[in-house]
């Protein structure tokens, strides 16, 4: 119910026709579910949910903008600098 109400309030009928119905509804379902579960933020690489998140008062963050923890960084490989001849 919340999702249906959000859809009607957020976009005009003309705007709704420009977006595929499946994509349009899916993005708003994510926002509605997150809001109903008291989430604080939505993480996604897709920019479309950003507008949805803002409409329901949630923060939005792209995965690629998150800092990489040191434990996840690639370790140095112990390679020898000397070359071997055959």
PDB file of N, CA and C in Angstrom:
ATOM      1  N   UNK A   1       0.827  -1.178   0.000  1.00  0.00           N
ATOM      2  CA  UNK A   1       0.000   0.000   0.000  1.00  0.00           C
ATOM      3  C   UNK A   1       0.878   1.250   0.000  1.00  0.00           C
ATOM      4  N   UNK A   2       1.890   1.255   0.876  1.00  0.00           N
ATOM      5  CA  UNK A   2       2.793   2.411   0.925  1.00  0.00           C
ATOM      6  C   UNK A   2       3.458   2.639  -0.420  1.00  0.00           C
ATOM      7  N   UNK A   3       3.858   1.570  -1.070  1.00  0.00           N
ATOM      8  CA  UNK A   3       4.528   1.694  -2.357  1.00  0.00           C
ATOM      9  C   UNK A   3       3.589   2.320  -3.398  1.00  0.00           C
ATOM     10  N   UNK A   4       2.365   1.886  -3.454  1.00  0.00           N
ATOM     11  CA  UNK A   4       1.397   2.438  -4.409  1.00  0.00           C
ATOM     12  C   UNK A   4       1.170   3.923  -4.167  1.00  0.00           C
ATOM     13  N   UNK A   5       1.066   4.317  -2.914  1.00  0.00           N
ATOM     14  CA  UNK A   5       0.882   5.730  -2.589  1.00  0.00           C
ATOM     15  C   UNK A   5       2.099   6.556  -2.993  1.00  0.00           C
ATOM     16  N   UNK A   6       3.290   6.021  -2.741  1.00  0.00           N
ATOM     17  CA  UNK A   6       4.516   6.720  -3.130  1.00  0.00           C
ATOM     18  C   UNK A   6       4.588   6.923  -4.634  1.00  0.00           C
ATOM     19  N   UNK A   7       4.222   5.913  -5.385  1.00  0.00           N
ATOM     20  CA  UNK A   7       4.280   6.001  -6.836  1.00  0.00           C
ATOM     21  C   UNK A   7       3.378   7.110  -7.365  1.00  0.00           C
ATOM     22  N   UNK A   8       2.197   7.208  -6.831  1.00  0.00           N
ATOM     23  CA  UNK A   8       1.251   8.239  -7.287  1.00  0.00           C
ATOM     24  C   UNK A   8       1.701   9.640  -6.912  1.00  0.00           C
ATOM     25  N   UNK A   9       2.348   9.783  -5.774  1.00  0.00           N
ATOM     26  CA  UNK A   9       2.788  11.098  -5.320  1.00  0.00           C
ATOM     27  C   UNK A   9       4.084  11.551  -5.980  1.00  0.00           C
ATOM     28  N   UNK A  10       4.949  10.629  -6.310  1.00  0.00           N
ATOM     29  CA  UNK A  10       6.303  10.973  -6.743  1.00  0.00           C
ATOM     30  C   UNK A  10       6.410  11.409  -8.201  1.00  0.00           C
ATOM     31  N   UNK A  11       5.609  10.829  -9.065  1.00  0.00           N
ATOM     32  CA  UNK A  11       5.737  11.103 -10.490  1.00  0.00           C
ATOM     33  C   UNK A  11       4.390  11.445 -11.107  1.00  0.00           C
ATOM     34  N   UNK A  12       4.441  12.285 -12.122  1.00  0.00           N
ATOM     35  CA  UNK A  12       3.232  12.551 -12.901  1.00  0.00           C
ATOM     36  C   UNK A  12       2.979  11.332 -13.787  1.00  0.00           C
ATOM     37  N   UNK A  13       1.827  11.240 -14.352  1.00  0.00           N
ATOM     38  CA  UNK A  13       1.500  10.122 -15.253  1.00  0.00           C
ATOM     39  C   UNK A  13       2.429  10.114 -16.469  1.00  0.00           C
ATOM     40  N   UNK A  14       2.800  11.276 -16.967  1.00  0.00           N
ATOM     41  CA  UNK A  14       3.709  11.375 -18.113  1.00  0.00           C
ATOM     42  C   UNK A  14       5.079  10.813 -17.736  1.00  0.00           C
ATOM     43  N   UNK A  15       5.583  11.162 -16.555  1.00  0.00           N
ATOM     44  CA  UNK A  15       6.880  10.641 -16.098  1.00  0.00           C
ATOM     45  C   UNK A  15       6.830   9.135 -15.911  1.00  0.00           C
ATOM     46  N   UNK A  16       5.712   8.641 -15.386  1.00  0.00           N
ATOM     47  CA  UNK A  16       5.578   7.204 -15.155  1.00  0.00           C
ATOM     48  C   UNK A  16       5.621   6.431 -16.470  1.00  0.00           C
ATOM     49  N   UNK A  17       5.108   7.007 -17.541  1.00  0.00           N
ATOM     50  CA  UNK A  17       5.104   6.321 -18.836  1.00  0.00           C
ATOM     51  C   UNK A  17       6.495   6.223 -19.452  1.00  0.00           C
ATOM     52  N   UNK A  18       7.414   7.094 -19.066  1.00  0.00           N
ATOM     53  CA  UNK A  18       8.758   7.106 -19.629  1.00  0.00           C
ATOM     54  C   UNK A  18       9.645   5.998 -19.055  1.00  0.00           C
ATOM     55  N   UNK A  19       9.281   5.425 -17.943  1.00  0.00           N
ATOM     56  CA  UNK A  19      10.070   4.396 -17.273  1.00  0.00           C
ATOM     57  C   UNK A  19       9.351   3.058 -17.449  1.00  0.00           C
ATOM     58  N   UNK A  20      10.118   1.994 -17.682  1.00  0.00           N
ATOM     59  CA  UNK A  20       9.465   0.690 -17.796  1.00  0.00           C
ATOM     60  C   UNK A  20       8.760   0.375 -16.476  1.00  0.00           C
ATOM     61  N   UNK A  21       7.599  -0.192 -16.562  1.00  0.00           N
ATOM     62  CA  UNK A  21       6.802  -0.447 -15.359  1.00  0.00           C
ATOM     63  C   UNK A  21       7.518  -1.356 -14.373  1.00  0.00           C
ATOM     64  N   UNK A  22       8.184  -2.368 -14.874  1.00  0.00           N
ATOM     65  CA  UNK A  22       8.875  -3.295 -13.983  1.00  0.00           C
ATOM     66  C   UNK A  22       9.975  -2.580 -13.212  1.00  0.00           C
ATOM     67  N   UNK A  23      10.805  -1.840 -13.920  1.00  0.00           N
ATOM     68  CA  UNK A  23      11.904  -1.111 -13.275  1.00  0.00           C
ATOM     69  C   UNK A  23      11.356  -0.068 -12.315  1.00  0.00           C
ATOM     70  N   UNK A  24      10.363   0.650 -12.760  1.00  0.00           N
ATOM     71  CA  UNK A  24       9.747   1.699 -11.952  1.00  0.00           C
ATOM     72  C   UNK A  24       9.217   1.142 -10.641  1.00  0.00           C
ATOM     73  N   UNK A  25       8.457   0.085 -10.713  1.00  0.00           N
ATOM     74  CA  UNK A  25       7.868  -0.506  -9.511  1.00  0.00           C
ATOM     75  C   UNK A  25       8.914  -1.165  -8.624  1.00  0.00           C
ATOM     76  N   UNK A  26       9.896  -1.799  -9.231  1.00  0.00           N
ATOM     77  CA  UNK A  26      10.931  -2.492  -8.457  1.00  0.00           C
ATOM     78  C   UNK A  26      11.714  -1.507  -7.592  1.00  0.00           C
ATOM     79  N   UNK A  27      12.140  -0.391  -8.169  1.00  0.00           N
ATOM     80  CA  UNK A  27      12.894   0.612  -7.417  1.00  0.00           C
ATOM     81  C   UNK A  27      12.076   1.158  -6.251  1.00  0.00           C
ATOM     82  N   UNK A  28      10.816   1.408  -6.494  1.00  0.00           N
ATOM     83  CA  UNK A  28       9.964   1.952  -5.437  1.00  0.00           C
ATOM     84  C   UNK A  28       9.616   0.911  -4.387  1.00  0.00           C
ATOM     85  N   UNK A  29       9.544  -0.342  -4.782  1.00  0.00           N
ATOM     86  CA  UNK A  29       9.319  -1.391  -3.793  1.00  0.00           C
ATOM     87  C   UNK A  29      10.502  -1.480  -2.836  1.00  0.00           C
ATOM     88  N   UNK A  30      11.708  -1.344  -3.375  1.00  0.00           N
ATOM     89  CA  UNK A  30      12.899  -1.364  -2.527  1.00  0.00           C
ATOM     90  C   UNK A  30      12.815  -0.246  -1.502  1.00  0.00           C
ATOM     91  N   UNK A  31      12.499   0.965  -1.963  1.00  0.00           N
ATOM     92  CA  UNK A  31      12.413   2.114  -1.052  1.00  0.00           C
ATOM     93  C   UNK A  31      11.297   1.939  -0.023  1.00  0.00           C
ATOM     94  N   UNK A  32      10.151   1.462  -0.456  1.00  0.00           N
ATOM     95  CA  UNK A  32       9.024   1.282   0.460  1.00  0.00           C
ATOM     96  C   UNK A  32       9.336   0.219   1.515  1.00  0.00           C
ATOM     97  N   UNK A  33       9.953  -0.870   1.112  1.00  0.00           N
ATOM     98  CA  UNK A  33      10.311  -1.931   2.059  1.00  0.00           C
ATOM     99  C   UNK A  33      11.352  -1.420   3.043  1.00  0.00           C
ATOM    100  N   UNK A  34      12.363  -0.718   2.535  1.00  0.00           N
ATOM    101  CA  UNK A  34      13.409  -0.179   3.413  1.00  0.00           C
ATOM    102  C   UNK A  34      12.805   0.787   4.434  1.00  0.00           C
ATOM    103  N   UNK A  35      11.924   1.650   3.982  1.00  0.00           N
ATOM    104  CA  UNK A  35      11.291   2.617   4.889  1.00  0.00           C
ATOM    105  C   UNK A  35      10.410   1.910   5.917  1.00  0.00           C
ATOM    106  N   UNK A  36       9.683   0.889   5.488  1.00  0.00           N
ATOM    107  CA  UNK A  36       8.798   0.186   6.417  1.00  0.00           C
ATOM    108  C   UNK A  36       9.571  -0.623   7.454  1.00  0.00           C
ATOM    109  N   UNK A  37      10.831  -0.925   7.150  1.00  0.00           N
ATOM    110  CA  UNK A  37      11.677  -1.679   8.078  1.00  0.00           C
ATOM    111  C   UNK A  37      12.630  -0.772   8.865  1.00  0.00           C
ATOM    112  N   UNK A  38      12.388   0.537   8.778  1.00  0.00           N
ATOM    113  CA  UNK A  38      13.186   1.540   9.500  1.00  0.00           C
ATOM    114  C   UNK A  38      14.655   1.540   9.109  1.00  0.00           C
ATOM    115  N   UNK A  39      14.933   1.280   7.845  1.00  0.00           N
ATOM    116  CA  UNK A  39      16.314   1.356   7.358  1.00  0.00           C
ATOM    117  C   UNK A  39      16.750   2.818   7.340  1.00  0.00           C
ATOM    118  N   UNK A  40      18.042   3.035   7.356  1.00  0.00           N
ATOM    119  CA  UNK A  40      18.589   4.388   7.308  1.00  0.00           C
ATOM    120  C   UNK A  40      19.128   4.751   5.925  1.00  0.00           C
ATOM    121  N   UNK A  41      19.537   3.731   5.170  1.00  0.00           N
ATOM    122  CA  UNK A  41      20.229   3.996   3.913  1.00  0.00           C
ATOM    123  C   UNK A  41      19.983   2.863   2.918  1.00  0.00           C
ATOM    124  N   UNK A  42      20.038   3.208   1.635  1.00  0.00           N
ATOM    125  CA  UNK A  42      19.956   2.226   0.563  1.00  0.00           C
ATOM    126  C   UNK A  42      21.289   2.269  -0.177  1.00  0.00           C
ATOM    127  N   UNK A  43      21.898   1.111  -0.391  1.00  0.00           N
ATOM    128  CA  UNK A  43      23.145   1.002  -1.130  1.00  0.00           C
ATOM    129  C   UNK A  43      22.845   0.412  -2.502  1.00  0.00           C
ATOM    130  N   UNK A  44      23.320   1.072  -3.544  1.00  0.00           N
ATOM    131  CA  UNK A  44      23.095   0.579  -4.894  1.00  0.00           C
ATOM    132  C   UNK A  44      24.025   1.277  -5.866  1.00  0.00           C
ATOM    133  N   UNK A  45      24.360   0.614  -6.954  1.00  0.00           N
ATOM    134  CA  UNK A  45      25.104   1.256  -8.033  1.00  0.00           C
ATOM    135  C   UNK A  45      24.145   1.905  -9.026  1.00  0.00           C
ATOM    136  N   UNK A  46      22.909   1.510  -8.988  1.00  0.00           N
ATOM    137  CA  UNK A  46      21.868   2.047  -9.867  1.00  0.00           C
ATOM    138  C   UNK A  46      21.422   3.404  -9.326  1.00  0.00           C
ATOM    139  N   UNK A  47      21.386   4.412 -10.165  1.00  0.00           N
ATOM    140  CA  UNK A  47      21.023   5.759  -9.718  1.00  0.00           C
ATOM    141  C   UNK A  47      19.510   5.937  -9.535  1.00  0.00           C
ATOM    142  N   UNK A  48      18.706   5.104 -10.155  1.00  0.00           N
ATOM    143  CA  UNK A  48      17.257   5.273 -10.062  1.00  0.00           C
ATOM    144  C   UNK A  48      16.722   5.197  -8.627  1.00  0.00           C
ATOM    145  N   UNK A  49      17.201   4.282  -7.800  1.00  0.00           N
ATOM    146  CA  UNK A  49      16.684   4.236  -6.422  1.00  0.00           C
ATOM    147  C   UNK A  49      17.035   5.463  -5.576  1.00  0.00           C
ATOM    148  N   UNK A  50      17.947   6.292  -6.054  1.00  0.00           N
ATOM    149  CA  UNK A  50      18.333   7.476  -5.282  1.00  0.00           C
ATOM    150  C   UNK A  50      17.146   8.418  -5.080  1.00  0.00           C
ATOM    151  N   UNK A  51      16.393   8.658  -6.126  1.00  0.00           N
ATOM    152  CA  UNK A  51      15.209   9.526  -6.011  1.00  0.00           C
ATOM    153  C   UNK A  51      14.171   8.906  -5.083  1.00  0.00           C
ATOM    154  N   UNK A  52      14.022   7.603  -5.194  1.00  0.00           N
ATOM    155  CA  UNK A  52      13.068   6.887  -4.340  1.00  0.00           C
ATOM    156  C   UNK A  52      13.485   7.008  -2.878  1.00  0.00           C
ATOM    157  N   UNK A  53      14.762   6.827  -2.616  1.00  0.00           N
ATOM    158  CA  UNK A  53      15.266   6.907  -1.245  1.00  0.00           C
ATOM    159  C   UNK A  53      15.028   8.301  -0.667  1.00  0.00           C
ATOM    160  N   UNK A  54      15.323   9.323  -1.443  1.00  0.00           N
ATOM    161  CA  UNK A  54      15.123  10.699  -0.972  1.00  0.00           C
ATOM    162  C   UNK A  54      13.655  10.963  -0.670  1.00  0.00           C
ATOM    163  N   UNK A  55      12.782  10.408  -1.467  1.00  0.00           N
ATOM    164  CA  UNK A  55      11.337  10.640  -1.292  1.00  0.00           C
ATOM    165  C   UNK A  55      10.812  10.067   0.024  1.00  0.00           C
ATOM    166  N   UNK A  56      11.417   8.978   0.485  1.00  0.00           N
ATOM    167  CA  UNK A  56      10.958   8.361   1.735  1.00  0.00           C
ATOM    168  C   UNK A  56      11.862   8.699   2.916  1.00  0.00           C
ATOM    169  N   UNK A  57      12.800   9.637   2.700  1.00  0.00           N
ATOM    170  CA  UNK A  57      13.652  10.098   3.786  1.00  0.00           C
ATOM    171  C   UNK A  57      14.832   9.206   4.115  1.00  0.00           C
ATOM    172  N   UNK A  58      15.297   8.443   3.137  1.00  0.00           N
ATOM    173  CA  UNK A  58      16.449   7.573   3.343  1.00  0.00           C
ATOM    174  C   UNK A  58      17.681   8.143   2.659  1.00  0.00           C
ATOM    175  N   UNK A  59      18.837   7.848   3.203  1.00  0.00           N
ATOM    176  CA  UNK A  59      20.094   8.212   2.554  1.00  0.00           C
ATOM    177  C   UNK A  59      20.341   7.222   1.428  1.00  0.00           C
ATOM    178  N   UNK A  60      21.200   7.621   0.503  1.00  0.00           N
ATOM    179  CA  UNK A  60      21.555   6.767  -0.628  1.00  0.00           C
ATOM    180  C   UNK A  60      23.064   6.775  -0.779  1.00  0.00           C
ATOM    181  N   UNK A  61      23.651   5.614  -1.019  1.00  0.00           N
ATOM    182  CA  UNK A  61      25.106   5.510  -1.166  1.00  0.00           C
ATOM    183  C   UNK A  61      25.434   4.510  -2.258  1.00  0.00           C
ATOM    184  N   UNK A  62      26.337   4.884  -3.137  1.00  0.00           N
ATOM    185  CA  UNK A  62      26.823   3.954  -4.160  1.00  0.00           C
ATOM    186  C   UNK A  62      27.880   3.050  -3.534  1.00  0.00           C
ATOM    187  N   UNK A  63      27.876   1.774  -3.901  1.00  0.00           N
ATOM    188  CA  UNK A  63      28.876   0.834  -3.386  1.00  0.00           C
ATOM    189  C   UNK A  63      30.285   1.299  -3.730  1.00  0.00           C
ATOM    190  N   UNK A  64      30.445   1.790  -4.946  1.00  0.00           N
ATOM    191  CA  UNK A  64      31.775   2.172  -5.415  1.00  0.00           C
ATOM    192  C   UNK A  64      32.355   3.366  -4.655  1.00  0.00           C
ATOM    193  N   UNK A  65      31.520   4.114  -3.940  1.00  0.00           N
ATOM    194  CA  UNK A  65      31.994   5.264  -3.182  1.00  0.00           C
ATOM    195  C   UNK A  65      32.391   4.903  -1.752  1.00  0.00           C
ATOM    196  N   UNK A  66      32.149   3.662  -1.371  1.00  0.00           N
ATOM    197  CA  UNK A  66      32.498   3.226  -0.022  1.00  0.00           C
ATOM    198  C   UNK A  66      34.004   3.009   0.088  1.00  0.00           C
ATOM    199  N   UNK A  67      34.590   3.337   1.232  1.00  0.00           N
ATOM    200  CA  UNK A  67      36.029   3.091   1.391  1.00  0.00           C
ATOM    201  C   UNK A  67      36.307   1.584   1.480  1.00  0.00           C
ATOM    202  N   UNK A  68      37.419   1.179   0.905  1.00  0.00           N
ATOM    203  CA  UNK A  68      37.820  -0.221   0.939  1.00  0.00           C
ATOM    204  C   UNK A  68      38.612  -0.471   2.213  1.00  0.00           C
ATOM    205  N   UNK A  69      38.173  -1.408   3.051  1.00  0.00           N
ATOM    206  CA  UNK A  69      38.922  -1.662   4.286  1.00  0.00           C
ATOM    207  C   UNK A  69      40.287  -2.275   3.978  1.00  0.00           C
ATOM    208  N   UNK A  70      41.291  -1.985   4.804  1.00  0.00           N
ATOM    209  CA  UNK A  70      42.634  -2.525   4.562  1.00  0.00           C
ATOM    210  C   UNK A  70      42.657  -4.045   4.421  1.00  0.00           C
ATOM    211  N   UNK A  71      41.793  -4.738   5.138  1.00  0.00           N
ATOM    212  CA  UNK A  71      41.778  -6.203   5.077  1.00  0.00           C
ATOM    213  C   UNK A  71      41.313  -6.722   3.722  1.00  0.00           C
ATOM    214  N   UNK A  72      40.669  -5.889   2.936  1.00  0.00           N
ATOM    215  CA  UNK A  72      40.161  -6.318   1.633  1.00  0.00           C
ATOM    216  C   UNK A  72      41.096  -5.961   0.491  1.00  0.00           C
ATOM    217  N   UNK A  73      42.136  -5.232   0.784  1.00  0.00           N
ATOM    218  CA  UNK A  73      43.066  -4.820  -0.269  1.00  0.00           C
ATOM    219  C   UNK A  73      43.979  -5.968  -0.666  1.00  0.00           C
ATOM    220  N   UNK A  74      44.394  -5.937  -1.904  1.00  0.00           N
ATOM    221  CA  UNK A  74      45.275  -6.992  -2.407  1.00  0.00           C
ATOM    222  C   UNK A  74      46.623  -6.908  -1.707  1.00  0.00           C
ATOM    223  N   UNK A  75      47.110  -8.051  -1.300  1.00  0.00           N
ATOM    224  CA  UNK A  75      48.410  -8.126  -0.638  1.00  0.00           C
ATOM    225  C   UNK A  75      49.522  -8.130  -1.689  1.00  0.00           C
ATOM    226  N   UNK A  76      50.710  -7.696  -1.285  1.00  0.00           N
ATOM    227  CA  UNK A  76      51.872  -7.747  -2.171  1.00  0.00           C
ATOM    228  C   UNK A  76      52.276  -9.193  -2.389  1.00  0.00           C
ATOM    229  N   UNK A  77      52.698  -9.492  -3.582  1.00  0.00           N
ATOM    230  CA  UNK A  77      53.164 -10.836  -3.894  1.00  0.00           C
ATOM    231  C   UNK A  77      54.676 -10.887  -3.738  1.00  0.00           C
ATOM    232  N   UNK A  78      55.200 -11.932  -3.105  1.00  0.00           N
ATOM    233  CA  UNK A  78      56.650 -12.041  -2.913  1.00  0.00           C
ATOM    234  C   UNK A  78      57.343 -12.552  -4.171  1.00  0.00           C
ATOM    235  N   UNK A  79      57.479 -11.689  -5.147  1.00  0.00           N
ATOM    236  CA  UNK A  79      58.105 -12.072  -6.417  1.00  0.00           C
ATOM    237  C   UNK A  79      59.570 -11.670  -6.404  1.00  0.00           C
ATOM    238  N   UNK A  80      60.372 -12.504  -6.980  1.00  0.00           N
ATOM    239  CA  UNK A  80      61.796 -12.228  -7.079  1.00  0.00           C
ATOM    240  C   UNK A  80      62.027 -11.267  -8.222  1.00  0.00           C
ATOM    241  N   UNK A  81      62.925 -10.336  -8.051  1.00  0.00           N
ATOM    242  CA  UNK A  81      63.228  -9.387  -9.119  1.00  0.00           C
ATOM    243  C   UNK A  81      64.251  -9.960 -10.092  1.00  0.00           C
ATOM    244  N   UNK A  82      64.936 -11.040  -9.710  1.00  0.00           N
ATOM    245  CA  UNK A  82      65.925 -11.675 -10.592  1.00  0.00           C
ATOM    246  C   UNK A  82      65.197 -12.533 -11.617  1.00  0.00           C
ATOM    247  N   UNK A  83      65.682 -12.500 -12.832  1.00  0.00           N
ATOM    248  CA  UNK A  83      65.095 -13.344 -13.877  1.00  0.00           C
ATOM    249  C   UNK A  83      65.946 -14.575 -14.045  1.00  0.00           C
ATOM    250  N   UNK A  84      65.348 -15.652 -14.402  1.00  0.00           N
ATOM    251  CA  UNK A  84      66.084 -16.894 -14.623  1.00  0.00           C
ATOM    252  C   UNK A  84      66.247 -17.114 -16.101  1.00  0.00           C
ATOM    253  N   UNK A  85      67.426 -17.600 -16.502  1.00  0.00           N
ATOM    254  CA  UNK A  85      67.668 -17.886 -17.906  1.00  0.00           C
ATOM    255  C   UNK A  85      67.508 -19.380 -18.146  1.00  0.00           C
ATOM    256  N   UNK A  86      66.989 -19.715 -19.300  1.00  0.00           N
ATOM    257  CA  UNK A  86      66.817 -21.113 -19.639  1.00  0.00           C
ATOM    258  C   UNK A  86      67.744 -21.545 -20.728  1.00  0.00           C
TER     259      UNK A  86
END
